[in-house]
């Protein structure tokens, strides 16, 4: 596990909700289109197990993504992610809705994304993360950049850090 400072560990210990982007975060950002218009995406099973571990720890998980895809709905159902918002143009408004719905404070919410449309939430959430191949501006402004690219276990890396921080409190 990467070394993290005490302040970051303290912040991670407060997390009650973990919100994720999809394309470029839970996937490698590639979208495969077949001749019949079918869409394929690759998800990392290690990220999936990490999401299940968050659920076991009582942490709410959510997806907010700008694209709309049945594949995302299927994967979210497999993982038990109940809060799935697709085709979202204003991610910050959806973030605010979730925050109110669950009665959470910003410091209790973590977000991981990879590109410019994720920046408004990242600046609002108590903890923000990006993947190694995330946009440079996100890397400059987030709390932590994963050592892995999107779709290659970056989400699991962050989840493991959060769970370890909770256990050490």
C-alpha atoms as a PDB file:
ATOM      1  CA  UNK A   1       0.000   0.000   0.000  1.00  0.00           C
ATOM      2  CA  UNK A   2       1.329   3.479  -0.824  1.00  0.00           C
ATOM      3  CA  UNK A   3       2.494   5.665   2.015  1.00  0.00           C
ATOM      4  CA  UNK A   4      -0.018   8.361   2.902  1.00  0.00           C
ATOM      5  CA  UNK A   5       0.337  11.193   5.351  1.00  0.00           C
ATOM      6  CA  UNK A   6      -1.620  11.408   8.606  1.00  0.00           C
ATOM      7  CA  UNK A   7      -3.907  14.182   7.325  1.00  0.00           C
ATOM      8  CA  UNK A   8      -4.965  12.147   4.294  1.00  0.00           C
ATOM      9  CA  UNK A   9      -5.463   9.072   6.477  1.00  0.00           C
ATOM     10  CA  UNK A  10      -7.634  11.116   8.872  1.00  0.00           C
ATOM     11  CA  UNK A  11      -9.766  12.380   5.983  1.00  0.00           C
ATOM     12  CA  UNK A  12     -10.143   8.869   4.570  1.00  0.00           C
ATOM     13  CA  UNK A  13     -11.377   7.636   7.933  1.00  0.00           C
ATOM     14  CA  UNK A  14     -14.419   9.934   7.693  1.00  0.00           C
ATOM     15  CA  UNK A  15     -15.688   8.612   4.352  1.00  0.00           C
ATOM     16  CA  UNK A  16     -19.282   7.358   4.261  1.00  0.00           C
ATOM     17  CA  UNK A  17     -19.870   7.584   0.498  1.00  0.00           C
ATOM     18  CA  UNK A  18     -17.584   6.775  -2.420  1.00  0.00           C
ATOM     19  CA  UNK A  19     -18.616   8.182  -5.820  1.00  0.00           C
ATOM     20  CA  UNK A  20     -17.028   7.008  -9.053  1.00  0.00           C
ATOM     21  CA  UNK A  21     -16.862   8.113 -12.646  1.00  0.00           C
ATOM     22  CA  UNK A  22     -16.861   5.260 -15.175  1.00  0.00           C
ATOM     23  CA  UNK A  23     -15.068   5.844 -18.480  1.00  0.00           C
ATOM     24  CA  UNK A  24     -11.371   6.322 -17.811  1.00  0.00           C
ATOM     25  CA  UNK A  25     -11.802   5.503 -14.115  1.00  0.00           C
ATOM     26  CA  UNK A  26     -13.570   2.154 -13.714  1.00  0.00           C
ATOM     27  CA  UNK A  27     -12.571   1.398 -17.327  1.00  0.00           C
ATOM     28  CA  UNK A  28      -9.521   2.233 -19.410  1.00  0.00           C
ATOM     29  CA  UNK A  29     -11.566   4.851 -21.255  1.00  0.00           C
ATOM     30  CA  UNK A  30     -11.794   2.858 -24.474  1.00  0.00           C
ATOM     31  CA  UNK A  31     -15.209   2.238 -25.976  1.00  0.00           C
ATOM     32  CA  UNK A  32     -15.443  -0.659 -28.392  1.00  0.00           C
ATOM     33  CA  UNK A  33     -18.250  -0.422 -30.943  1.00  0.00           C
ATOM     34  CA  UNK A  34     -19.349  -3.421 -32.988  1.00  0.00           C
ATOM     35  CA  UNK A  35     -20.856  -3.458 -36.477  1.00  0.00           C
ATOM     36  CA  UNK A  36     -24.366  -3.640 -35.021  1.00  0.00           C
ATOM     37  CA  UNK A  37     -23.735  -0.672 -32.712  1.00  0.00           C
ATOM     38  CA  UNK A  38     -23.097  -2.801 -29.639  1.00  0.00           C
ATOM     39  CA  UNK A  39     -20.836  -1.207 -27.091  1.00  0.00           C
ATOM     40  CA  UNK A  40     -18.229  -3.007 -25.008  1.00  0.00           C
ATOM     41  CA  UNK A  41     -16.185  -1.832 -22.023  1.00  0.00           C
ATOM     42  CA  UNK A  42     -13.698  -3.672 -19.837  1.00  0.00           C
ATOM     43  CA  UNK A  43     -14.014  -3.443 -16.050  1.00  0.00           C
ATOM     44  CA  UNK A  44     -11.326  -4.584 -13.614  1.00  0.00           C
ATOM     45  CA  UNK A  45     -12.486  -7.378 -11.285  1.00  0.00           C
ATOM     46  CA  UNK A  46     -10.202  -6.089  -8.521  1.00  0.00           C
ATOM     47  CA  UNK A  47     -12.107  -2.795  -8.552  1.00  0.00           C
ATOM     48  CA  UNK A  48     -15.325  -4.811  -8.287  1.00  0.00           C
ATOM     49  CA  UNK A  49     -14.151  -6.721  -5.236  1.00  0.00           C
ATOM     50  CA  UNK A  50     -13.028  -3.462  -3.663  1.00  0.00           C
ATOM     51  CA  UNK A  51     -16.505  -1.993  -4.164  1.00  0.00           C
ATOM     52  CA  UNK A  52     -17.982  -5.033  -2.417  1.00  0.00           C
ATOM     53  CA  UNK A  53     -15.519  -4.499   0.457  1.00  0.00           C
ATOM     54  CA  UNK A  54     -16.733  -0.901   0.771  1.00  0.00           C
ATOM     55  CA  UNK A  55     -20.304  -2.180   1.061  1.00  0.00           C
ATOM     56  CA  UNK A  56     -19.242  -4.602   3.790  1.00  0.00           C
ATOM     57  CA  UNK A  57     -17.692  -1.653   5.640  1.00  0.00           C
ATOM     58  CA  UNK A  58     -21.006   0.246   5.415  1.00  0.00           C
ATOM     59  CA  UNK A  59     -19.841   2.761   2.812  1.00  0.00           C
ATOM     60  CA  UNK A  60     -22.385   3.830   0.206  1.00  0.00           C
ATOM     61  CA  UNK A  61     -21.200   3.629  -3.383  1.00  0.00           C
ATOM     62  CA  UNK A  62     -22.459   5.623  -6.335  1.00  0.00           C
ATOM     63  CA  UNK A  63     -21.719   6.161 -10.004  1.00  0.00           C
ATOM     64  CA  UNK A  64     -22.056   9.492 -11.773  1.00  0.00           C
ATOM     65  CA  UNK A  65     -21.126   9.368 -15.442  1.00  0.00           C
ATOM     66  CA  UNK A  66     -21.582  11.608 -18.433  1.00  0.00           C
ATOM     67  CA  UNK A  67     -22.268   8.747 -20.844  1.00  0.00           C
ATOM     68  CA  UNK A  68     -25.259   6.440 -20.886  1.00  0.00           C
ATOM     69  CA  UNK A  69     -24.626   2.722 -21.311  1.00  0.00           C
ATOM     70  CA  UNK A  70     -26.571  -0.435 -20.495  1.00  0.00           C
ATOM     71  CA  UNK A  71     -23.227  -2.078 -19.718  1.00  0.00           C
ATOM     72  CA  UNK A  72     -22.762   0.315 -16.795  1.00  0.00           C
ATOM     73  CA  UNK A  73     -26.236  -0.563 -15.474  1.00  0.00           C
ATOM     74  CA  UNK A  74     -25.436  -4.275 -15.690  1.00  0.00           C
ATOM     75  CA  UNK A  75     -22.083  -3.898 -13.929  1.00  0.00           C
ATOM     76  CA  UNK A  76     -23.581  -1.698 -11.213  1.00  0.00           C
ATOM     77  CA  UNK A  77     -26.303  -4.293 -10.539  1.00  0.00           C
ATOM     78  CA  UNK A  78     -23.647  -7.040 -10.318  1.00  0.00           C
ATOM     79  CA  UNK A  79     -21.768  -5.005  -7.732  1.00  0.00           C
ATOM     80  CA  UNK A  80     -24.799  -3.839  -5.753  1.00  0.00           C
ATOM     81  CA  UNK A  81     -24.279  -0.161  -6.544  1.00  0.00           C
ATOM     82  CA  UNK A  82     -27.736   1.301  -5.984  1.00  0.00           C
ATOM     83  CA  UNK A  83     -27.022   4.896  -6.910  1.00  0.00           C
ATOM     84  CA  UNK A  84     -26.287   5.036 -10.639  1.00  0.00           C
ATOM     85  CA  UNK A  85     -26.649   8.266 -12.598  1.00  0.00           C
ATOM     86  CA  UNK A  86     -25.886   8.158 -16.317  1.00  0.00           C
ATOM     87  CA  UNK A  87     -25.998  10.776 -19.040  1.00  0.00           C
ATOM     88  CA  UNK A  88     -25.289  13.451 -16.435  1.00  0.00           C
ATOM     89  CA  UNK A  89     -24.232  16.829 -17.791  1.00  0.00           C
ATOM     90  CA  UNK A  90     -24.060  18.585 -14.427  1.00  0.00           C
ATOM     91  CA  UNK A  91     -22.287  16.114 -12.149  1.00  0.00           C
ATOM     92  CA  UNK A  92     -22.154  18.634  -9.310  1.00  0.00           C
ATOM     93  CA  UNK A  93     -25.966  18.850  -9.170  1.00  0.00           C
ATOM     94  CA  UNK A  94     -26.180  15.059  -8.873  1.00  0.00           C
ATOM     95  CA  UNK A  95     -23.501  15.140  -6.180  1.00  0.00           C
ATOM     96  CA  UNK A  96     -25.553  17.720  -4.244  1.00  0.00           C
ATOM     97  CA  UNK A  97     -28.655  15.553  -4.592  1.00  0.00           C
ATOM     98  CA  UNK A  98     -26.859  12.503  -3.189  1.00  0.00           C
ATOM     99  CA  UNK A  99     -25.356  14.542  -0.374  1.00  0.00           C
ATOM    100  CA  UNK A 100     -28.801  15.788   0.649  1.00  0.00           C
ATOM    101  CA  UNK A 101     -30.513  12.429   0.175  1.00  0.00           C
ATOM    102  CA  UNK A 102     -28.106  10.736   2.586  1.00  0.00           C
ATOM    103  CA  UNK A 103     -27.662  13.706   4.935  1.00  0.00           C
ATOM    104  CA  UNK A 104     -23.906  13.805   4.403  1.00  0.00           C
ATOM    105  CA  UNK A 105     -21.316  16.533   4.686  1.00  0.00           C
ATOM    106  CA  UNK A 106     -18.719  17.111   1.969  1.00  0.00           C
ATOM    107  CA  UNK A 107     -15.989  15.719   4.227  1.00  0.00           C
ATOM    108  CA  UNK A 108     -17.840  12.373   4.323  1.00  0.00           C
ATOM    109  CA  UNK A 109     -17.766  11.952   0.533  1.00  0.00           C
ATOM    110  CA  UNK A 110     -14.914  10.776  -1.676  1.00  0.00           C
ATOM    111  CA  UNK A 111     -14.871  11.041  -5.465  1.00  0.00           C
ATOM    112  CA  UNK A 112     -12.657   9.513  -8.132  1.00  0.00           C
ATOM    113  CA  UNK A 113     -12.614  10.730 -11.727  1.00  0.00           C
ATOM    114  CA  UNK A 114     -10.270  11.195 -14.634  1.00  0.00           C
ATOM    115  CA  UNK A 115     -11.172  14.250 -16.713  1.00  0.00           C
ATOM    116  CA  UNK A 116     -12.311  17.866 -16.734  1.00  0.00           C
ATOM    117  CA  UNK A 117     -16.017  17.130 -16.239  1.00  0.00           C
ATOM    118  CA  UNK A 118     -15.076  15.584 -12.874  1.00  0.00           C
ATOM    119  CA  UNK A 119     -13.320  18.682 -11.564  1.00  0.00           C
ATOM    120  CA  UNK A 120     -16.382  20.465 -10.052  1.00  0.00           C
ATOM    121  CA  UNK A 121     -17.161  17.472  -7.806  1.00  0.00           C
ATOM    122  CA  UNK A 122     -13.509  16.940  -6.987  1.00  0.00           C
ATOM    123  CA  UNK A 123     -13.267  20.511  -5.742  1.00  0.00           C
ATOM    124  CA  UNK A 124     -16.372  20.031  -3.551  1.00  0.00           C
ATOM    125  CA  UNK A 125     -15.924  16.526  -2.126  1.00  0.00           C
ATOM    126  CA  UNK A 126     -14.050  16.026   1.111  1.00  0.00           C
ATOM    127  CA  UNK A 127     -11.593  13.744  -0.661  1.00  0.00           C
ATOM    128  CA  UNK A 128     -10.771  13.637  -4.351  1.00  0.00           C
ATOM    129  CA  UNK A 129      -8.780  11.122  -6.328  1.00  0.00           C
ATOM    130  CA  UNK A 130      -7.739  10.601  -9.901  1.00  0.00           C
ATOM    131  CA  UNK A 131      -6.082   7.825 -11.845  1.00  0.00           C
ATOM    132  CA  UNK A 132      -2.454   7.898 -13.009  1.00  0.00           C
ATOM    133  CA  UNK A 133      -3.530   8.737 -16.563  1.00  0.00           C
ATOM    134  CA  UNK A 134      -6.088  11.318 -15.424  1.00  0.00           C
ATOM    135  CA  UNK A 135      -6.025  14.878 -16.761  1.00  0.00           C
ATOM    136  CA  UNK A 136      -3.059  16.839 -15.442  1.00  0.00           C
ATOM    137  CA  UNK A 137      -5.248  19.534 -13.862  1.00  0.00           C
ATOM    138  CA  UNK A 138      -6.981  16.848 -11.793  1.00  0.00           C
ATOM    139  CA  UNK A 139      -3.637  15.459 -10.672  1.00  0.00           C
ATOM    140  CA  UNK A 140      -2.611  18.953  -9.594  1.00  0.00           C
ATOM    141  CA  UNK A 141      -5.797  19.580  -7.596  1.00  0.00           C
ATOM    142  CA  UNK A 142      -6.814  16.223  -6.141  1.00  0.00           C
ATOM    143  CA  UNK A 143      -5.839  14.802  -2.763  1.00  0.00           C
ATOM    144  CA  UNK A 144      -4.179  11.736  -4.253  1.00  0.00           C
ATOM    145  CA  UNK A 145      -3.310  10.315  -7.679  1.00  0.00           C
ATOM    146  CA  UNK A 146      -3.409   6.535  -7.969  1.00  0.00           C
ATOM    147  CA  UNK A 147      -0.302   4.717  -9.147  1.00  0.00           C
ATOM    148  CA  UNK A 148      -2.445   2.830 -11.668  1.00  0.00           C
ATOM    149  CA  UNK A 149      -4.300   3.898 -14.791  1.00  0.00           C
ATOM    150  CA  UNK A 150      -8.071   3.869 -15.081  1.00  0.00           C
ATOM    151  CA  UNK A 151      -9.433   0.362 -15.578  1.00  0.00           C
ATOM    152  CA  UNK A 152      -6.225  -1.191 -14.253  1.00  0.00           C
ATOM    153  CA  UNK A 153      -7.082  -1.363 -10.552  1.00  0.00           C
ATOM    154  CA  UNK A 154      -6.771   2.324  -9.651  1.00  0.00           C
ATOM    155  CA  UNK A 155     -10.166   2.322  -7.938  1.00  0.00           C
ATOM    156  CA  UNK A 156      -9.171  -0.713  -5.859  1.00  0.00           C
ATOM    157  CA  UNK A 157      -5.919   1.003  -4.870  1.00  0.00           C
ATOM    158  CA  UNK A 158      -7.888   3.955  -3.480  1.00  0.00           C
ATOM    159  CA  UNK A 159     -10.492   1.716  -1.823  1.00  0.00           C
ATOM    160  CA  UNK A 160      -7.777  -0.274  -0.055  1.00  0.00           C
ATOM    161  CA  UNK A 161      -6.293   2.959   1.293  1.00  0.00           C
ATOM    162  CA  UNK A 162      -9.702   4.136   2.558  1.00  0.00           C
ATOM    163  CA  UNK A 163     -10.465   0.807   4.234  1.00  0.00           C
ATOM    164  CA  UNK A 164      -7.031   0.660   5.853  1.00  0.00           C
ATOM    165  CA  UNK A 165      -7.523   4.209   7.176  1.00  0.00           C
ATOM    166  CA  UNK A 166     -10.910   3.288   8.655  1.00  0.00           C
ATOM    167  CA  UNK A 167      -9.469   0.180  10.324  1.00  0.00           C
ATOM    168  CA  UNK A 168      -6.601   2.156  11.860  1.00  0.00           C
ATOM    169  CA  UNK A 169      -8.862   4.678  13.593  1.00  0.00           C
END
